[in-house]
Amino acid sequence: METLESNTAAVSLRVRDARFVAKVKVTPAGLLAIGGLVSGILLSTSVLVWTATNVARRRPLTAALLAKG
C-alpha cells in the first residue's frame, strides 16, 4: 500500500526579543477535511446574513423605522 506524503508549512516570526515558530504537517485527507470545514463555515455565514436581513427585505417600512430609531 502506498503511503501518502504530507504537506509541510513552517513560519518563523521574530519581534525584538520574542520569537515565534510554528510548523504544520497535513496529509491530503487532512487538507480535504479542512476544505470541507471552511466551506461549511462560509455557507453558514451566508445563511446567517440572509436571516439577519430578512426583516429589511420583507418589511421595508419596519426596517426604515428601526434605522431612524
N, C-alpha and C. Protein backbone atom coordinates (compact mmCIF):
# COMPACT_ATOMS: atom_id res chain seq x y z
N MET A 1 0.84 -1.18 0.00
CA MET A 1 0.00 0.00 0.00
C MET A 1 0.88 1.25 0.00
N GLU A 2 0.49 2.21 -0.77
CA GLU A 2 1.28 3.43 -0.92
C GLU A 2 0.99 4.40 0.23
N THR A 3 2.04 4.96 0.81
CA THR A 3 1.83 5.95 1.86
C THR A 3 1.69 7.33 1.24
N LEU A 4 0.82 8.14 1.80
CA LEU A 4 0.60 9.48 1.30
C LEU A 4 1.62 10.44 1.90
N GLU A 5 2.16 11.27 1.06
CA GLU A 5 3.10 12.28 1.55
C GLU A 5 2.35 13.40 2.23
N SER A 6 2.90 13.90 3.30
CA SER A 6 2.25 15.01 3.98
C SER A 6 2.82 16.33 3.47
N ASN A 7 1.99 17.35 3.49
CA ASN A 7 2.42 18.70 3.13
C ASN A 7 2.87 19.40 4.40
N THR A 8 3.96 20.13 4.30
CA THR A 8 4.53 20.78 5.47
C THR A 8 4.64 22.28 5.22
N ALA A 9 4.30 23.05 6.26
CA ALA A 9 4.45 24.51 6.21
C ALA A 9 5.09 24.95 7.51
N ALA A 10 5.96 25.94 7.43
CA ALA A 10 6.62 26.46 8.62
C ALA A 10 6.71 27.97 8.52
N VAL A 11 6.60 28.62 9.67
CA VAL A 11 6.74 30.07 9.72
C VAL A 11 7.51 30.44 10.97
N SER A 12 8.34 31.44 10.83
CA SER A 12 9.12 31.92 11.97
C SER A 12 8.99 33.44 12.02
N LEU A 13 8.66 33.95 13.21
CA LEU A 13 8.44 35.37 13.39
C LEU A 13 9.28 35.86 14.56
N ARG A 14 9.99 36.95 14.35
CA ARG A 14 10.82 37.50 15.41
C ARG A 14 10.55 38.99 15.55
N VAL A 15 10.18 39.39 16.77
CA VAL A 15 9.94 40.79 17.08
C VAL A 15 10.75 41.11 18.33
N ARG A 16 11.76 41.91 18.15
CA ARG A 16 12.69 42.27 19.23
C ARG A 16 13.23 41.02 19.92
N ASP A 17 12.86 40.80 21.18
CA ASP A 17 13.38 39.65 21.91
C ASP A 17 12.47 38.42 21.80
N ALA A 18 11.27 38.60 21.30
CA ALA A 18 10.32 37.50 21.22
C ALA A 18 10.47 36.77 19.89
N ARG A 19 10.31 35.45 19.94
CA ARG A 19 10.42 34.63 18.74
C ARG A 19 9.29 33.62 18.73
N PHE A 20 8.64 33.45 17.58
CA PHE A 20 7.54 32.52 17.42
C PHE A 20 7.83 31.63 16.23
N VAL A 21 7.73 30.31 16.44
CA VAL A 21 7.95 29.34 15.38
C VAL A 21 6.76 28.40 15.34
N ALA A 22 6.20 28.20 14.16
CA ALA A 22 5.07 27.27 14.00
C ALA A 22 5.33 26.36 12.81
N LYS A 23 5.08 25.07 12.99
CA LYS A 23 5.22 24.09 11.92
C LYS A 23 3.94 23.26 11.85
N VAL A 24 3.50 22.97 10.62
CA VAL A 24 2.28 22.19 10.43
C VAL A 24 2.54 21.12 9.38
N LYS A 25 2.08 19.91 9.65
CA LYS A 25 2.13 18.81 8.69
C LYS A 25 0.71 18.33 8.46
N VAL A 26 0.29 18.27 7.19
CA VAL A 26 -1.07 17.87 6.87
C VAL A 26 -1.04 16.87 5.71
N THR A 27 -1.83 15.81 5.83
CA THR A 27 -1.96 14.84 4.75
C THR A 27 -3.02 15.32 3.76
N PRO A 28 -3.07 14.73 2.57
CA PRO A 28 -4.11 15.11 1.62
C PRO A 28 -5.53 14.93 2.18
N ALA A 29 -5.75 13.89 2.98
CA ALA A 29 -7.07 13.70 3.60
C ALA A 29 -7.35 14.84 4.58
N GLY A 30 -6.33 15.29 5.29
CA GLY A 30 -6.49 16.42 6.21
C GLY A 30 -6.82 17.70 5.47
N LEU A 31 -6.18 17.92 4.32
CA LEU A 31 -6.49 19.10 3.52
C LEU A 31 -7.94 19.07 3.03
N LEU A 32 -8.41 17.87 2.67
CA LEU A 32 -9.80 17.74 2.24
C LEU A 32 -10.75 18.05 3.39
N ALA A 33 -10.42 17.58 4.58
CA ALA A 33 -11.25 17.86 5.76
C ALA A 33 -11.26 19.35 6.08
N ILE A 34 -10.11 19.99 6.01
CA ILE A 34 -10.01 21.43 6.29
C ILE A 34 -10.84 22.21 5.25
N GLY A 35 -10.75 21.81 3.99
CA GLY A 35 -11.54 22.46 2.95
C GLY A 35 -13.03 22.32 3.20
N GLY A 36 -13.46 21.15 3.66
CA GLY A 36 -14.87 20.94 3.99
C GLY A 36 -15.31 21.81 5.14
N LEU A 37 -14.48 21.93 6.17
CA LEU A 37 -14.81 22.77 7.32
C LEU A 37 -14.92 24.24 6.93
N VAL A 38 -13.99 24.73 6.12
CA VAL A 38 -14.02 26.13 5.68
C VAL A 38 -15.26 26.38 4.82
N SER A 39 -15.59 25.43 3.95
CA SER A 39 -16.79 25.58 3.12
C SER A 39 -18.04 25.65 3.99
N GLY A 40 -18.11 24.81 5.01
CA GLY A 40 -19.25 24.83 5.91
C GLY A 40 -19.38 26.14 6.65
N ILE A 41 -18.25 26.69 7.08
CA ILE A 41 -18.27 27.97 7.79
C ILE A 41 -18.76 29.09 6.86
N LEU A 42 -18.26 29.11 5.64
CA LEU A 42 -18.68 30.16 4.69
C LEU A 42 -20.15 30.03 4.33
N LEU A 43 -20.64 28.81 4.14
CA LEU A 43 -22.05 28.62 3.83
C LEU A 43 -22.95 29.01 5.00
N SER A 44 -22.55 28.67 6.22
CA SER A 44 -23.37 29.02 7.38
C SER A 44 -23.38 30.53 7.61
N THR A 45 -22.28 31.20 7.29
CA THR A 45 -22.23 32.66 7.42
C THR A 45 -23.21 33.31 6.45
N SER A 46 -23.28 32.80 5.25
CA SER A 46 -24.23 33.39 4.28
C SER A 46 -25.67 33.17 4.74
N VAL A 47 -25.96 32.04 5.37
CA VAL A 47 -27.31 31.79 5.89
C VAL A 47 -27.61 32.77 7.03
N LEU A 48 -26.64 33.02 7.90
CA LEU A 48 -26.85 33.96 9.00
C LEU A 48 -27.11 35.38 8.48
N VAL A 49 -26.37 35.79 7.47
CA VAL A 49 -26.59 37.13 6.90
C VAL A 49 -27.95 37.20 6.24
N TRP A 50 -28.34 36.15 5.53
CA TRP A 50 -29.65 36.12 4.88
C TRP A 50 -30.77 36.24 5.93
N THR A 51 -30.62 35.53 7.03
CA THR A 51 -31.63 35.56 8.08
C THR A 51 -31.66 36.92 8.78
N ALA A 52 -30.51 37.50 9.03
CA ALA A 52 -30.43 38.77 9.74
C ALA A 52 -31.03 39.91 8.92
N THR A 53 -30.97 39.83 7.61
CA THR A 53 -31.51 40.89 6.77
C THR A 53 -32.92 40.57 6.28
N ASN A 54 -33.52 39.53 6.81
CA ASN A 54 -34.84 39.10 6.38
C ASN A 54 -35.90 40.16 6.66
N VAL A 55 -35.83 40.83 7.81
CA VAL A 55 -36.82 41.86 8.15
C VAL A 55 -36.77 43.01 7.15
N ALA A 56 -35.58 43.42 6.76
CA ALA A 56 -35.44 44.53 5.82
C ALA A 56 -36.00 44.17 4.45
N ARG A 57 -35.89 42.91 4.06
CA ARG A 57 -36.42 42.51 2.75
C ARG A 57 -37.94 42.38 2.78
N ARG A 58 -38.49 41.81 3.84
CA ARG A 58 -39.94 41.56 3.89
C ARG A 58 -40.73 42.77 4.33
N ARG A 59 -40.18 43.59 5.19
CA ARG A 59 -40.91 44.74 5.73
C ARG A 59 -40.06 46.01 5.63
N PRO A 60 -40.05 46.65 4.47
CA PRO A 60 -39.21 47.84 4.30
C PRO A 60 -39.58 48.97 5.25
N LEU A 61 -40.86 49.11 5.58
CA LEU A 61 -41.29 50.18 6.48
C LEU A 61 -40.72 49.96 7.89
N THR A 62 -40.79 48.71 8.36
CA THR A 62 -40.24 48.39 9.68
C THR A 62 -38.74 48.63 9.70
N ALA A 63 -38.06 48.26 8.65
CA ALA A 63 -36.61 48.45 8.59
C ALA A 63 -36.27 49.95 8.61
N ALA A 64 -37.06 50.76 7.93
CA ALA A 64 -36.81 52.20 7.91
C ALA A 64 -37.04 52.81 9.29
N LEU A 65 -38.07 52.34 10.01
CA LEU A 65 -38.33 52.85 11.35
C LEU A 65 -37.22 52.44 12.32
N LEU A 66 -36.73 51.22 12.19
CA LEU A 66 -35.63 50.77 13.06
C LEU A 66 -34.35 51.53 12.78
N ALA A 67 -34.12 51.91 11.53
CA ALA A 67 -32.92 52.66 11.17
C ALA A 67 -32.97 54.08 11.74
N LYS A 68 -34.16 54.67 11.79
CA LYS A 68 -34.28 56.03 12.33
C LYS A 68 -34.15 56.07 13.83
N GLY A 69 -34.59 55.02 14.51
CA GLY A 69 -34.62 54.98 15.98
C GLY A 69 -33.30 54.77 16.55
